[in-house]
Amino acid sequence: MVSSTKYGLDLRIDEAVRAIRRAKKILVVCHVNPDGDTLGCLLALGLAFLQMGKKATLLSQDGVPTRFQFLPGSELILSETTEAADVAIAVDCGSRQQMGTAQKAFFRAKTTVQVDHHDFGASFGKIQILENEASAVGEIAYELLHALKAEITPAIATCLLTSIIIDTGSFRFSNIRAKTFDICGKLIACGVDLQHLIEEAYWTRSVASIKLTSHVMLNMESSADGALVWAVAYQKDFKRFGAKISDADAVADDLRSVEGSKIAVVFRQTEKGNYRVSLRSKHGINVAEVAREFGGGGHHNSAGCSIQPSQKKKLLQSLQSLNG
């Protein structure tokens, strides 16, 4: 994806603003296995549209993970709908496949909008608001709401800040830019308790998640040189600890912290026996390249895909080749 120029980004936001203002019914969709970035944007836009008098439908194939149910408006999110919207907006989706079953409702809309920041994505919306330099989609959603002259309430600000906190690793990752802090400052000024929000969004984890992570980490494997590390969370593990598939979200970042590692991989077994794969890397290694090879996508240092069990060995070999 080519980085958007300021003029080009503004032009596409203006197109979206015109479509949104004309619309009576708006659908907002997030990606499968939703994280705080996609959910924060989904809710921020949804709450703003409701505030503007629109009929807003918020859709997430996999619902809302327990750790993000504290977000304002999370109870409004549906897992399916038969609604036909005037405008449908996909947030943080690098490809149409990332919407999962929600893509059917998305493409029923008269006008489709893609709001995304992935380095390596496949454009699919009629109107594309794409800025790969943004640390989180929350930055782009903020600009869209600003262009709409929407009031940024404490609830909306909380959702947008959650997006940024999650995708910057609580302001630890290299994707942060000066504009990130500028937007955060404006959102905090709306009345958000930043310390409390960081505790809720980033540092608070369930007992089931911690037990699952500990078990999976104990059984991790690595390449001979230790540069590639991986672990598998099986269905039996989820059942043993009473955990959900989203409870394994933190494992990838924990693996990335292993001394000597450059690439970290987590395989999460679904109920159908396939794997959802989370990829993390250091030192500029482009794991999104491998994710795309297997039908996924993402960023240089954070990507994902879904594979069959028979593809596991090939994926690890592809990742190993990235490290030379």
C-alpha atoms as a PDB file:
ATOM      1  CA  MET A   1       0.000   0.000   0.000  1.00  0.00           C
ATOM      2  CA  VAL A   2       1.365   3.402  -0.917  1.00  0.00           C
ATOM      3  CA  SER A   3       1.491   5.924   1.895  1.00  0.00           C
ATOM      4  CA  SER A   4      -1.265   8.514   1.516  1.00  0.00           C
ATOM      5  CA  THR A   5      -0.360  12.140   0.883  1.00  0.00           C
ATOM      6  CA  LYS A   6      -2.088  14.696   3.098  1.00  0.00           C
ATOM      7  CA  TYR A   7      -4.082  16.008   0.148  1.00  0.00           C
ATOM      8  CA  GLY A   8      -5.090  12.511  -0.983  1.00  0.00           C
ATOM      9  CA  LEU A   9      -6.159  11.521   2.529  1.00  0.00           C
ATOM     10  CA  ASP A  10      -8.225  14.692   2.954  1.00  0.00           C
ATOM     11  CA  LEU A  11      -9.863  14.120  -0.437  1.00  0.00           C
ATOM     12  CA  ARG A  12     -10.983  10.611   0.498  1.00  0.00           C
ATOM     13  CA  ILE A  13     -12.228  11.752   3.917  1.00  0.00           C
ATOM     14  CA  ASP A  14     -14.298  14.433   2.183  1.00  0.00           C
ATOM     15  CA  GLU A  15     -15.879  11.752  -0.032  1.00  0.00           C
ATOM     16  CA  ALA A  16     -16.722   9.665   3.036  1.00  0.00           C
ATOM     17  CA  VAL A  17     -18.124  12.682   4.876  1.00  0.00           C
ATOM     18  CA  ARG A  18     -20.525  13.437   2.010  1.00  0.00           C
ATOM     19  CA  ALA A  19     -21.693   9.808   1.883  1.00  0.00           C
ATOM     20  CA  ILE A  20     -22.150   9.594   5.669  1.00  0.00           C
ATOM     21  CA  ARG A  21     -24.106  12.855   5.856  1.00  0.00           C
ATOM     22  CA  ARG A  22     -26.522  11.615   3.162  1.00  0.00           C
ATOM     23  CA  ALA A  23     -26.973   8.205   4.783  1.00  0.00           C
ATOM     24  CA  LYS A  24     -29.812   7.271   7.110  1.00  0.00           C
ATOM     25  CA  LYS A  25     -28.538   3.764   7.901  1.00  0.00           C
ATOM     26  CA  ILE A  26     -24.844   3.060   8.490  1.00  0.00           C
ATOM     27  CA  LEU A  27     -23.116  -0.259   9.100  1.00  0.00           C
ATOM     28  CA  VAL A  28     -19.695  -0.393  10.775  1.00  0.00           C
ATOM     29  CA  VAL A  29     -17.729  -3.642  10.579  1.00  0.00           C
ATOM     30  CA  CYS A  30     -14.538  -4.797  12.313  1.00  0.00           C
ATOM     31  CA  HIS A  31     -12.182  -7.691  11.593  1.00  0.00           C
ATOM     32  CA  VAL A  32     -12.382 -11.269  12.860  1.00  0.00           C
ATOM     33  CA  ASN A  33     -10.771 -12.029  16.217  1.00  0.00           C
ATOM     34  CA  PRO A  34     -11.135  -8.327  17.101  1.00  0.00           C
ATOM     35  CA  ASP A  35      -8.527  -6.424  19.103  1.00  0.00           C
ATOM     36  CA  GLY A  36      -8.695  -3.039  20.788  1.00  0.00           C
ATOM     37  CA  ASP A  37      -7.773  -1.119  17.646  1.00  0.00           C
ATOM     38  CA  THR A  38     -10.626  -2.376  15.491  1.00  0.00           C
ATOM     39  CA  LEU A  39     -13.176  -2.435  18.354  1.00  0.00           C
ATOM     40  CA  GLY A  40     -12.234   1.029  19.565  1.00  0.00           C
ATOM     41  CA  CYS A  41     -12.811   2.453  16.080  1.00  0.00           C
ATOM     42  CA  LEU A  42     -15.990   0.440  15.542  1.00  0.00           C
ATOM     43  CA  LEU A  43     -17.482   1.855  18.742  1.00  0.00           C
ATOM     44  CA  ALA A  44     -16.174   5.411  18.337  1.00  0.00           C
ATOM     45  CA  LEU A  45     -17.719   5.715  14.875  1.00  0.00           C
ATOM     46  CA  GLY A  46     -20.904   3.924  15.910  1.00  0.00           C
ATOM     47  CA  LEU A  47     -21.463   6.148  18.952  1.00  0.00           C
ATOM     48  CA  ALA A  48     -20.791   9.257  16.863  1.00  0.00           C
ATOM     49  CA  PHE A  49     -23.270   8.188  14.162  1.00  0.00           C
ATOM     50  CA  LEU A  50     -25.971   7.502  16.746  1.00  0.00           C
ATOM     51  CA  GLN A  51     -25.288  10.919  18.206  1.00  0.00           C
ATOM     52  CA  MET A  52     -25.796  12.384  14.715  1.00  0.00           C
ATOM     53  CA  GLY A  53     -29.257  10.772  14.510  1.00  0.00           C
ATOM     54  CA  LYS A  54     -28.244   7.941  12.176  1.00  0.00           C
ATOM     55  CA  LYS A  55     -29.358   4.339  12.517  1.00  0.00           C
ATOM     56  CA  ALA A  56     -26.034   2.608  13.214  1.00  0.00           C
ATOM     57  CA  THR A  57     -25.444  -1.145  13.179  1.00  0.00           C
ATOM     58  CA  LEU A  58     -22.150  -2.376  14.653  1.00  0.00           C
ATOM     59  CA  LEU A  59     -20.969  -5.784  13.495  1.00  0.00           C
ATOM     60  CA  SER A  60     -18.268  -8.165  14.715  1.00  0.00           C
ATOM     61  CA  GLN A  61     -18.284 -11.791  13.590  1.00  0.00           C
ATOM     62  CA  ASP A  62     -16.589 -12.886  16.826  1.00  0.00           C
ATOM     63  CA  GLY A  63     -18.385 -10.556  19.210  1.00  0.00           C
ATOM     64  CA  VAL A  64     -16.406  -8.686  21.872  1.00  0.00           C
ATOM     65  CA  PRO A  65     -13.602 -10.354  23.865  1.00  0.00           C
ATOM     66  CA  THR A  66     -14.118 -10.145  27.623  1.00  0.00           C
ATOM     67  CA  ARG A  67     -11.169  -7.783  28.107  1.00  0.00           C
ATOM     68  CA  PHE A  68     -12.811  -5.131  25.897  1.00  0.00           C
ATOM     69  CA  GLN A  69     -16.355  -5.351  27.226  1.00  0.00           C
ATOM     70  CA  PHE A  70     -15.620  -2.343  29.449  1.00  0.00           C
ATOM     71  CA  LEU A  71     -15.669  -0.110  26.346  1.00  0.00           C
ATOM     72  CA  PRO A  72     -18.654   2.266  26.110  1.00  0.00           C
ATOM     73  CA  GLY A  73     -21.300   0.860  23.779  1.00  0.00           C
ATOM     74  CA  SER A  74     -19.849  -2.660  23.585  1.00  0.00           C
ATOM     75  CA  GLU A  75     -23.310  -4.067  24.325  1.00  0.00           C
ATOM     76  CA  LEU A  76     -24.499  -2.630  20.989  1.00  0.00           C
ATOM     77  CA  ILE A  77     -22.226  -4.878  18.902  1.00  0.00           C
ATOM     78  CA  LEU A  78     -23.943  -7.675  16.961  1.00  0.00           C
ATOM     79  CA  SER A  79     -22.422 -10.831  15.445  1.00  0.00           C
ATOM     80  CA  GLU A  80     -24.832 -10.908  12.490  1.00  0.00           C
ATOM     81  CA  THR A  81     -27.427  -8.737  10.788  1.00  0.00           C
ATOM     82  CA  THR A  82     -29.846  -8.728   7.867  1.00  0.00           C
ATOM     83  CA  GLU A  83     -29.780  -4.923   7.711  1.00  0.00           C
ATOM     84  CA  ALA A  84     -29.126  -3.277   4.342  1.00  0.00           C
ATOM     85  CA  ALA A  85     -27.216  -0.057   5.003  1.00  0.00           C
ATOM     86  CA  ASP A  86     -26.805   3.059   2.895  1.00  0.00           C
ATOM     87  CA  VAL A  87     -23.131   3.226   3.867  1.00  0.00           C
ATOM     88  CA  ALA A  88     -20.940   0.428   5.249  1.00  0.00           C
ATOM     89  CA  ILE A  89     -17.581   1.174   6.855  1.00  0.00           C
ATOM     90  CA  ALA A  90     -14.881  -1.442   7.530  1.00  0.00           C
ATOM     91  CA  VAL A  91     -12.303  -0.451  10.154  1.00  0.00           C
ATOM     92  CA  ASP A  92      -8.828  -1.987  10.458  1.00  0.00           C
ATOM     93  CA  CYS A  93      -9.469  -4.575   7.728  1.00  0.00           C
ATOM     94  CA  GLY A  94      -6.553  -5.055   5.331  1.00  0.00           C
ATOM     95  CA  SER A  95      -8.642  -7.255   3.039  1.00  0.00           C
ATOM     96  CA  ARG A  96     -12.280  -8.170   2.551  1.00  0.00           C
ATOM     97  CA  GLN A  97     -11.561 -11.634   3.979  1.00  0.00           C
ATOM     98  CA  GLN A  98     -10.645 -10.109   7.333  1.00  0.00           C
ATOM     99  CA  MET A  99     -14.291  -9.145   7.866  1.00  0.00           C
ATOM    100  CA  GLY A 100     -15.218 -12.824   7.985  1.00  0.00           C
ATOM    101  CA  THR A 101     -18.963 -13.456   7.727  1.00  0.00           C
ATOM    102  CA  ALA A 102     -19.616  -9.708   8.175  1.00  0.00           C
ATOM    103  CA  GLN A 103     -18.488  -9.039   4.610  1.00  0.00           C
ATOM    104  CA  LYS A 104     -21.863 -10.215   3.293  1.00  0.00           C
ATOM    105  CA  ALA A 105     -23.653  -7.370   5.092  1.00  0.00           C
ATOM    106  CA  PHE A 106     -20.844  -4.954   4.187  1.00  0.00           C
ATOM    107  CA  PHE A 107     -21.226  -5.476   0.443  1.00  0.00           C
ATOM    108  CA  ARG A 108     -25.026  -5.150   0.618  1.00  0.00           C
ATOM    109  CA  ALA A 109     -24.557  -1.437   1.267  1.00  0.00           C
ATOM    110  CA  LYS A 110     -24.932   1.122  -1.506  1.00  0.00           C
ATOM    111  CA  THR A 111     -21.608   2.770  -0.609  1.00  0.00           C
ATOM    112  CA  THR A 112     -18.642   1.027   1.023  1.00  0.00           C
ATOM    113  CA  VAL A 113     -15.786   2.696   2.898  1.00  0.00           C
ATOM    114  CA  GLN A 114     -12.477   1.126   3.964  1.00  0.00           C
ATOM    115  CA  VAL A 115     -10.636   2.817   6.847  1.00  0.00           C
ATOM    116  CA  ASP A 116      -7.270   1.156   7.352  1.00  0.00           C
ATOM    117  CA  HIS A 117      -3.553   1.560   8.085  1.00  0.00           C
ATOM    118  CA  HIS A 118      -2.050  -1.790   7.088  1.00  0.00           C
ATOM    119  CA  ASP A 119       1.272  -1.722   5.219  1.00  0.00           C
ATOM    120  CA  PHE A 120       0.259  -4.663   3.062  1.00  0.00           C
ATOM    121  CA  GLY A 121      -3.437  -4.771   2.368  1.00  0.00           C
ATOM    122  CA  ALA A 122      -5.865  -5.394  -0.454  1.00  0.00           C
ATOM    123  CA  SER A 123      -8.113  -2.411  -1.141  1.00  0.00           C
ATOM    124  CA  PHE A 124     -11.807  -3.236  -1.422  1.00  0.00           C
ATOM    125  CA  GLY A 125     -13.980  -0.248  -0.441  1.00  0.00           C
ATOM    126  CA  LYS A 126     -15.442   2.151  -3.029  1.00  0.00           C
ATOM    127  CA  ILE A 127     -14.084   4.941  -0.833  1.00  0.00           C
ATOM    128  CA  GLN A 128     -10.678   4.165   0.664  1.00  0.00           C
ATOM    129  CA  ILE A 129      -9.294   6.135   3.606  1.00  0.00           C
ATOM    130  CA  LEU A 130      -5.880   4.520   3.880  1.00  0.00           C
ATOM    131  CA  GLU A 131      -2.885   5.859   5.764  1.00  0.00           C
ATOM    132  CA  ASN A 132      -0.196   3.310   6.582  1.00  0.00           C
ATOM    133  CA  GLU A 133       1.818   5.826   8.589  1.00  0.00           C
ATOM    134  CA  ALA A 134      -0.923   6.017  11.228  1.00  0.00           C
ATOM    135  CA  SER A 135       0.038   4.183  14.419  1.00  0.00           C
ATOM    136  CA  ALA A 136      -3.546   2.957  14.774  1.00  0.00           C
ATOM    137  CA  VAL A 137      -6.782   3.225  12.852  1.00  0.00           C
ATOM    138  CA  GLY A 138      -7.957   5.324  15.799  1.00  0.00           C
ATOM    139  CA  GLU A 139      -5.879   8.201  14.411  1.00  0.00           C
ATOM    140  CA  ILE A 140      -7.701   8.025  11.069  1.00  0.00           C
ATOM    141  CA  ALA A 141     -11.105   7.596  12.733  1.00  0.00           C
ATOM    142  CA  TYR A 142     -10.372  10.719  14.788  1.00  0.00           C
ATOM    143  CA  GLU A 143      -9.690  12.698  11.599  1.00  0.00           C
ATOM    144  CA  LEU A 144     -12.890  11.379  10.010  1.00  0.00           C
ATOM    145  CA  LEU A 145     -14.966  12.427  13.030  1.00  0.00           C
ATOM    146  CA  HIS A 146     -13.231  15.803  13.071  1.00  0.00           C
ATOM    147  CA  ALA A 147     -14.153  16.283   9.394  1.00  0.00           C
ATOM    148  CA  LEU A 148     -17.749  15.330  10.232  1.00  0.00           C
ATOM    149  CA  LYS A 149     -17.690  17.980  12.997  1.00  0.00           C
ATOM    150  CA  ALA A 150     -18.865  15.284  15.411  1.00  0.00           C
ATOM    151  CA  GLU A 151     -18.657  15.979  19.132  1.00  0.00           C
ATOM    152  CA  ILE A 152     -15.906  13.862  20.710  1.00  0.00           C
ATOM    153  CA  THR A 153     -17.607  12.838  23.954  1.00  0.00           C
ATOM    154  CA  PRO A 154     -15.682  11.152  26.807  1.00  0.00           C
ATOM    155  CA  ALA A 155     -17.093   7.796  25.629  1.00  0.00           C
ATOM    156  CA  ILE A 156     -15.939   8.300  22.029  1.00  0.00           C
ATOM    157  CA  ALA A 157     -12.549   9.576  23.216  1.00  0.00           C
ATOM    158  CA  THR A 158     -12.164   6.476  25.411  1.00  0.00           C
ATOM    159  CA  CYS A 159     -12.758   4.202  22.420  1.00  0.00           C
ATOM    160  CA  LEU A 160     -10.323   6.093  20.169  1.00  0.00           C
ATOM    161  CA  LEU A 161      -7.634   6.135  22.859  1.00  0.00           C
ATOM    162  CA  THR A 162      -8.071   2.390  23.362  1.00  0.00           C
ATOM    163  CA  SER A 163      -7.381   1.899  19.658  1.00  0.00           C
ATOM    164  CA  ILE A 164      -4.117   3.830  19.917  1.00  0.00           C
ATOM    165  CA  ILE A 165      -3.036   2.297  23.242  1.00  0.00           C
ATOM    166  CA  ILE A 166      -3.458  -1.245  21.934  1.00  0.00           C
ATOM    167  CA  ASP A 167      -1.783  -0.762  18.560  1.00  0.00           C
ATOM    168  CA  THR A 168       1.200   1.103  20.033  1.00  0.00           C
ATOM    169  CA  GLY A 169       1.705  -1.476  22.792  1.00  0.00           C
ATOM    170  CA  SER A 170       0.852   1.197  25.356  1.00  0.00           C
ATOM    171  CA  PHE A 171       3.178   3.650  23.580  1.00  0.00           C
ATOM    172  CA  ARG A 172       6.103   1.214  23.321  1.00  0.00           C
ATOM    173  CA  PHE A 173       6.194   0.317  19.615  1.00  0.00           C
ATOM    174  CA  SER A 174       8.117   2.037  16.826  1.00  0.00           C
ATOM    175  CA  ASN A 175       4.946   3.028  14.930  1.00  0.00           C
ATOM    176  CA  ILE A 176       4.424   6.091  17.153  1.00  0.00           C
ATOM    177  CA  ARG A 177       4.795   9.513  15.537  1.00  0.00           C
ATOM    178  CA  ALA A 178       4.432  13.078  16.803  1.00  0.00           C
ATOM    179  CA  LYS A 179       0.874  13.199  15.480  1.00  0.00           C
ATOM    180  CA  THR A 180       0.003  10.219  17.702  1.00  0.00           C
ATOM    181  CA  PHE A 181       0.711  12.225  20.851  1.00  0.00           C
ATOM    182  CA  ASP A 182      -1.044  15.283  19.445  1.00  0.00           C
ATOM    183  CA  ILE A 183      -4.252  13.303  18.902  1.00  0.00           C
ATOM    184  CA  CYS A 184      -3.920  11.577  22.287  1.00  0.00           C
ATOM    185  CA  GLY A 185      -3.549  14.946  23.993  1.00  0.00           C
ATOM    186  CA  LYS A 186      -6.762  16.177  22.392  1.00  0.00           C
ATOM    187  CA  LEU A 187      -8.613  13.000  23.371  1.00  0.00           C
ATOM    188  CA  ILE A 188      -7.406  13.147  26.980  1.00  0.00           C
ATOM    189  CA  ALA A 189      -8.637  16.754  27.114  1.00  0.00           C
ATOM    190  CA  CYS A 190     -12.132  15.394  26.386  1.00  0.00           C
ATOM    191  CA  GLY A 191     -12.223  13.973  29.912  1.00  0.00           C
ATOM    192  CA  VAL A 192     -10.622  10.524  29.703  1.00  0.00           C
ATOM    193  CA  ASP A 193      -8.774   9.062  32.706  1.00  0.00           C
ATOM    194  CA  LEU A 194      -5.717   7.821  30.772  1.00  0.00           C
ATOM    195  CA  GLN A 195      -4.132   5.864  33.636  1.00  0.00           C
ATOM    196  CA  HIS A 196      -7.358   3.971  34.323  1.00  0.00           C
ATOM    197  CA  LEU A 197      -7.903   3.327  30.618  1.00  0.00           C
ATOM    198  CA  ILE A 198      -4.395   1.890  30.134  1.00  0.00           C
ATOM    199  CA  GLU A 199      -4.943  -0.406  33.123  1.00  0.00           C
ATOM    200  CA  GLU A 200      -8.257  -1.636  31.710  1.00  0.00           C
ATOM    201  CA  ALA A 201      -7.259  -1.875  28.042  1.00  0.00           C
ATOM    202  CA  TYR A 202      -3.697  -3.112  28.267  1.00  0.00           C
ATOM    203  CA  TRP A 203      -2.626  -4.405  31.649  1.00  0.00           C
ATOM    204  CA  THR A 204      -5.724  -6.182  32.977  1.00  0.00           C
ATOM    205  CA  ARG A 205      -6.013  -9.861  32.055  1.00  0.00           C
ATOM    206  CA  SER A 206      -8.304 -12.650  33.216  1.00  0.00           C
ATOM    207  CA  VAL A 207      -7.082 -15.560  35.326  1.00  0.00           C
ATOM    208  CA  ALA A 208      -7.939 -17.902  32.429  1.00  0.00           C
ATOM    209  CA  SER A 209      -5.776 -15.847  30.058  1.00  0.00           C
ATOM    210  CA  ILE A 210      -2.796 -15.866  32.421  1.00  0.00           C
ATOM    211  CA  LYS A 211      -3.040 -19.626  33.028  1.00  0.00           C
ATOM    212  CA  LEU A 212      -3.367 -20.316  29.314  1.00  0.00           C
ATOM    213  CA  THR A 213      -0.429 -18.041  28.462  1.00  0.00           C
ATOM    214  CA  SER A 214       1.777 -19.655  31.114  1.00  0.00           C
ATOM    215  CA  HIS A 215       0.982 -23.151  29.848  1.00  0.00           C
ATOM    216  CA  VAL A 216       1.544 -22.248  26.197  1.00  0.00           C
ATOM    217  CA  MET A 217       4.807 -20.436  26.963  1.00  0.00           C
ATOM    218  CA  LEU A 218       6.106 -23.439  28.898  1.00  0.00           C
ATOM    219  CA  ASN A 219       5.646 -25.552  25.767  1.00  0.00           C
ATOM    220  CA  MET A 220       7.147 -23.120  23.280  1.00  0.00           C
ATOM    221  CA  GLU A 221       9.623 -24.285  20.656  1.00  0.00           C
ATOM    222  CA  SER A 222      12.422 -22.520  18.820  1.00  0.00           C
ATOM    223  CA  SER A 223      14.750 -22.804  15.840  1.00  0.00           C
ATOM    224  CA  ALA A 224      18.320 -23.960  16.413  1.00  0.00           C
ATOM    225  CA  ASP A 225      19.584 -20.379  16.560  1.00  0.00           C
ATOM    226  CA  GLY A 226      16.706 -19.190  18.751  1.00  0.00           C
ATOM    227  CA  ALA A 227      15.714 -16.460  16.288  1.00  0.00           C
ATOM    228  CA  LEU A 228      12.327 -18.050  15.536  1.00  0.00           C
ATOM    229  CA  VAL A 229      10.106 -19.027  18.471  1.00  0.00           C
ATOM    230  CA  TRP A 230       6.607 -20.478  18.324  1.00  0.00           C
ATOM    231  CA  ALA A 231       3.906 -22.009  20.481  1.00  0.00           C
ATOM    232  CA  VAL A 232       0.530 -23.665  19.992  1.00  0.00           C
ATOM    233  CA  ALA A 233      -2.655 -23.120  21.976  1.00  0.00           C
ATOM    234  CA  TYR A 234      -4.780 -26.218  21.379  1.00  0.00           C
ATOM    235  CA  GLN A 235      -8.524 -26.565  21.881  1.00  0.00           C
ATOM    236  CA  LYS A 236      -7.817 -28.876  24.838  1.00  0.00           C
ATOM    237  CA  ASP A 237      -5.852 -26.043  26.450  1.00  0.00           C
ATOM    238  CA  PHE A 238      -8.722 -23.584  26.077  1.00  0.00           C
ATOM    239  CA  LYS A 239     -11.088 -26.114  27.645  1.00  0.00           C
ATOM    240  CA  ARG A 240      -8.655 -26.986  30.440  1.00  0.00           C
ATOM    241  CA  PHE A 241      -8.333 -23.388  31.615  1.00  0.00           C
ATOM    242  CA  GLY A 242     -11.823 -22.226  30.712  1.00  0.00           C
ATOM    243  CA  ALA A 243     -10.293 -19.768  28.233  1.00  0.00           C
ATOM    244  CA  LYS A 244     -11.487 -18.310  24.952  1.00  0.00           C
ATOM    245  CA  ILE A 245      -9.478 -18.106  21.745  1.00  0.00           C
ATOM    246  CA  SER A 246      -9.060 -14.359  22.353  1.00  0.00           C
ATOM    247  CA  ASP A 247      -7.328 -15.137  25.669  1.00  0.00           C
ATOM    248  CA  ALA A 248      -4.264 -16.194  23.679  1.00  0.00           C
ATOM    249  CA  ASP A 249      -3.839 -12.688  22.230  1.00  0.00           C
ATOM    250  CA  ALA A 250      -1.037 -11.783  24.638  1.00  0.00           C
ATOM    251  CA  VAL A 251       1.081 -14.874  23.905  1.00  0.00           C
ATOM    252  CA  ALA A 252       2.580 -13.470  20.686  1.00  0.00           C
ATOM    253  CA  ASP A 253       3.911 -10.352  22.412  1.00  0.00           C
ATOM    254  CA  ASP A 254       5.228 -12.442  25.305  1.00  0.00           C
ATOM    255  CA  LEU A 255       7.065 -14.728  22.869  1.00  0.00           C
ATOM    256  CA  ARG A 256       8.518 -11.698  21.113  1.00  0.00           C
ATOM    257  CA  SER A 257      10.223 -10.746  24.384  1.00  0.00           C
ATOM    258  CA  VAL A 258      12.219 -14.000  24.531  1.00  0.00           C
ATOM    259  CA  GLU A 259      15.928 -13.192  24.512  1.00  0.00           C
ATOM    260  CA  GLY A 260      17.526 -13.792  21.113  1.00  0.00           C
ATOM    261  CA  SER A 261      14.211 -14.062  19.292  1.00  0.00           C
ATOM    262  CA  LYS A 262      13.505 -12.083  16.134  1.00  0.00           C
ATOM    263  CA  ILE A 263      10.244 -13.684  15.004  1.00  0.00           C
ATOM    264  CA  ALA A 264       7.464 -14.991  17.258  1.00  0.00           C
ATOM    265  CA  VAL A 265       4.499 -17.124  16.181  1.00  0.00           C
ATOM    266  CA  VAL A 266       1.379 -18.289  17.983  1.00  0.00           C
ATOM    267  CA  PHE A 267      -0.881 -20.959  16.502  1.00  0.00           C
ATOM    268  CA  ARG A 268      -4.396 -20.908  17.966  1.00  0.00           C
ATOM    269  CA  GLN A 269      -6.422 -24.014  17.165  1.00  0.00           C
ATOM    270  CA  THR A 270     -10.043 -23.274  16.291  1.00  0.00           C
ATOM    271  CA  GLU A 271     -12.988 -25.545  17.022  1.00  0.00           C
ATOM    272  CA  LYS A 272     -12.796 -26.715  13.385  1.00  0.00           C
ATOM    273  CA  GLY A 273      -9.160 -27.769  13.871  1.00  0.00           C
ATOM    274  CA  ASN A 274      -7.567 -25.025  11.769  1.00  0.00           C
ATOM    275  CA  TYR A 275      -5.084 -22.477  13.099  1.00  0.00           C
ATOM    276  CA  ARG A 276      -5.351 -18.747  13.518  1.00  0.00           C
ATOM    277  CA  VAL A 277      -1.776 -17.511  13.383  1.00  0.00           C
ATOM    278  CA  SER A 278      -0.342 -14.374  15.023  1.00  0.00           C
ATOM    279  CA  LEU A 279       3.076 -13.184  13.842  1.00  0.00           C
ATOM    280  CA  ARG A 280       5.411 -10.681  15.538  1.00  0.00           C
ATOM    281  CA  SER A 281       8.939  -9.576  14.646  1.00  0.00           C
ATOM    282  CA  LYS A 282      11.818  -7.274  15.546  1.00  0.00           C
ATOM    283  CA  HIS A 283      14.594  -5.509  13.626  1.00  0.00           C
ATOM    284  CA  GLY A 284      12.394  -4.572  10.657  1.00  0.00           C
ATOM    285  CA  ILE A 285      11.730  -8.172   9.601  1.00  0.00           C
ATOM    286  CA  ASN A 286       8.644  -8.199   7.383  1.00  0.00           C
ATOM    287  CA  VAL A 287       6.352 -10.955   8.671  1.00  0.00           C
ATOM    288  CA  ALA A 288       3.428  -9.486   6.688  1.00  0.00           C
ATOM    289  CA  GLU A 289       5.127 -10.870   3.586  1.00  0.00           C
ATOM    290  CA  VAL A 290       4.652 -14.394   4.899  1.00  0.00           C
ATOM    291  CA  ALA A 291       1.154 -13.669   6.183  1.00  0.00           C
ATOM    292  CA  ARG A 292       0.127 -12.585   2.675  1.00  0.00           C
ATOM    293  CA  GLU A 293       1.582 -15.802   1.245  1.00  0.00           C
ATOM    294  CA  PHE A 294      -0.961 -17.657   3.369  1.00  0.00           C
ATOM    295  CA  GLY A 295      -3.926 -15.393   2.660  1.00  0.00           C
ATOM    296  CA  GLY A 296      -3.487 -12.974   5.558  1.00  0.00           C
ATOM    297  CA  GLY A 297      -1.862  -9.595   6.010  1.00  0.00           C
ATOM    298  CA  GLY A 298      -0.788  -6.925   8.451  1.00  0.00           C
ATOM    299  CA  HIS A 299       2.252  -4.810   9.203  1.00  0.00           C
ATOM    300  CA  HIS A 300       6.011  -5.429   8.968  1.00  0.00           C
ATOM    301  CA  ASN A 301       6.240  -6.386  12.653  1.00  0.00           C
ATOM    302  CA  SER A 302       2.695  -7.561  13.374  1.00  0.00           C
ATOM    303  CA  ALA A 303       0.602  -9.732  11.057  1.00  0.00           C
ATOM    304  CA  GLY A 304      -1.674 -12.741  10.946  1.00  0.00           C
ATOM    305  CA  CYS A 305      -3.345 -15.395   8.826  1.00  0.00           C
ATOM    306  CA  SER A 306      -5.387 -18.595   9.039  1.00  0.00           C
ATOM    307  CA  ILE A 307      -4.003 -21.950   7.894  1.00  0.00           C
ATOM    308  CA  GLN A 308      -4.709 -25.652   7.747  1.00  0.00           C
ATOM    309  CA  PRO A 309      -2.653 -27.857  10.135  1.00  0.00           C
ATOM    310  CA  SER A 310      -0.819 -29.311   7.121  1.00  0.00           C
ATOM    311  CA  GLN A 311       0.524 -25.812   6.324  1.00  0.00           C
ATOM    312  CA  LYS A 312       2.181 -25.253   9.695  1.00  0.00           C
ATOM    313  CA  LYS A 313       5.583 -26.642   8.695  1.00  0.00           C
ATOM    314  CA  LYS A 314       5.663 -24.635   5.462  1.00  0.00           C
ATOM    315  CA  LEU A 315       4.776 -21.416   7.284  1.00  0.00           C
ATOM    316  CA  LEU A 316       7.584 -21.931   9.798  1.00  0.00           C
ATOM    317  CA  GLN A 317      10.007 -22.606   6.943  1.00  0.00           C
ATOM    318  CA  SER A 318       8.921 -19.391   5.216  1.00  0.00           C
ATOM    319  CA  LEU A 319       9.497 -17.435   8.419  1.00  0.00           C
ATOM    320  CA  GLN A 320      12.865 -19.066   8.929  1.00  0.00           C
ATOM    321  CA  SER A 321      13.913 -17.967   5.452  1.00  0.00           C
ATOM    322  CA  LEU A 322      13.173 -14.323   6.388  1.00  0.00           C
ATOM    323  CA  ASN A 323      15.875 -14.576   9.000  1.00  0.00           C
ATOM    324  CA  GLY A 324      18.358 -15.954   6.466  1.00  0.00           C
END
